[in-house]
Amino acid sequence: MSLLVEAGLRRVLSEPASSNSPPTELPPLPSWNGGRELVDISNRDSLYKVMEEE
């Protein structure tokens, strides 16, 4: 499998870059509100307490 991947990478990387086509715009990355933190990870005792609850 690794030989197949290596051969594919070599083929793609050996091709010259197409300078005729304009660069494509990437869509914006998704974002969301994940809520607030549930525990202060710098407080080891609080962190272990939350980890033991689950």
C-alpha atoms as a PDB file:
ATOM      1  CA  MET A   1       0.000   0.000   0.000  1.00  0.00           C
ATOM      2  CA  SER A   2       2.819   2.397   0.850  1.00  0.00           C
ATOM      3  CA  LEU A   3       4.387   1.807  -2.585  1.00  0.00           C
ATOM      4  CA  LEU A   4       1.106   2.755  -4.230  1.00  0.00           C
ATOM      5  CA  VAL A   5       0.832   5.958  -2.193  1.00  0.00           C
ATOM      6  CA  GLU A   6       4.453   6.825  -2.875  1.00  0.00           C
ATOM      7  CA  ALA A   7       4.017   6.305  -6.616  1.00  0.00           C
ATOM      8  CA  GLY A   8       0.916   8.484  -6.641  1.00  0.00           C
ATOM      9  CA  LEU A   9       2.631  11.257  -4.720  1.00  0.00           C
ATOM     10  CA  ARG A  10       5.659  11.160  -6.989  1.00  0.00           C
ATOM     11  CA  ARG A  11       3.433  11.391 -10.054  1.00  0.00           C
ATOM     12  CA  VAL A  12       1.397  14.311  -8.744  1.00  0.00           C
ATOM     13  CA  LEU A  13       4.411  16.223  -7.421  1.00  0.00           C
ATOM     14  CA  SER A  14       6.400  15.755 -10.619  1.00  0.00           C
ATOM     15  CA  GLU A  15       3.719  17.420 -12.766  1.00  0.00           C
ATOM     16  CA  PRO A  16       4.335  21.117 -13.433  1.00  0.00           C
ATOM     17  CA  ALA A  17       1.944  23.519 -11.773  1.00  0.00           C
ATOM     18  CA  SER A  18      -0.729  24.849 -14.082  1.00  0.00           C
ATOM     19  CA  SER A  19      -0.105  28.599 -14.269  1.00  0.00           C
ATOM     20  CA  ASN A  20      -2.961  29.164 -16.742  1.00  0.00           C
ATOM     21  CA  SER A  21      -5.727  28.572 -14.246  1.00  0.00           C
ATOM     22  CA  PRO A  22      -6.417  31.257 -11.611  1.00  0.00           C
ATOM     23  CA  PRO A  23      -6.107  30.227  -7.975  1.00  0.00           C
ATOM     24  CA  THR A  24      -9.379  29.043  -6.529  1.00  0.00           C
ATOM     25  CA  GLU A  25     -10.947  30.688  -3.519  1.00  0.00           C
ATOM     26  CA  LEU A  26     -11.329  28.398  -0.550  1.00  0.00           C
ATOM     27  CA  PRO A  27     -14.668  28.427   1.263  1.00  0.00           C
ATOM     28  CA  PRO A  28     -14.596  29.871   4.780  1.00  0.00           C
ATOM     29  CA  LEU A  29     -14.003  27.439   7.608  1.00  0.00           C
ATOM     30  CA  PRO A  30     -17.079  26.518   9.635  1.00  0.00           C
ATOM     31  CA  SER A  31     -17.446  28.012  13.084  1.00  0.00           C
ATOM     32  CA  TRP A  32     -19.827  27.322  15.930  1.00  0.00           C
ATOM     33  CA  ASN A  33     -20.412  28.187  19.533  1.00  0.00           C
ATOM     34  CA  GLY A  34     -19.144  25.286  21.590  1.00  0.00           C
ATOM     35  CA  GLY A  35     -20.367  26.798  24.845  1.00  0.00           C
ATOM     36  CA  ARG A  36     -18.201  27.768  27.750  1.00  0.00           C
ATOM     37  CA  GLU A  37     -15.563  25.633  29.414  1.00  0.00           C
ATOM     38  CA  LEU A  38     -16.767  23.169  32.023  1.00  0.00           C
ATOM     39  CA  VAL A  39     -13.568  22.955  34.045  1.00  0.00           C
ATOM     40  CA  ASP A  40     -10.365  24.949  34.475  1.00  0.00           C
ATOM     41  CA  ILE A  41      -7.711  22.594  33.109  1.00  0.00           C
ATOM     42  CA  SER A  42      -5.007  24.387  35.087  1.00  0.00           C
ATOM     43  CA  ASN A  43      -6.709  23.162  38.292  1.00  0.00           C
ATOM     44  CA  ARG A  44      -5.634  19.532  38.466  1.00  0.00           C
ATOM     45  CA  ASP A  45      -8.042  18.557  41.253  1.00  0.00           C
ATOM     46  CA  SER A  46     -11.059  19.929  39.357  1.00  0.00           C
ATOM     47  CA  LEU A  47      -9.908  18.262  36.166  1.00  0.00           C
ATOM     48  CA  TYR A  48      -9.520  14.845  37.814  1.00  0.00           C
ATOM     49  CA  LYS A  49     -12.909  15.208  39.523  1.00  0.00           C
ATOM     50  CA  VAL A  50     -14.655  15.854  36.183  1.00  0.00           C
ATOM     51  CA  MET A  51     -12.771  12.997  34.501  1.00  0.00           C
ATOM     52  CA  GLU A  52     -13.838  10.557  37.241  1.00  0.00           C
ATOM     53  CA  GLU A  53     -17.515  11.530  36.897  1.00  0.00           C
ATOM     54  CA  GLU A  54     -17.806  10.312  33.311  1.00  0.00           C
END
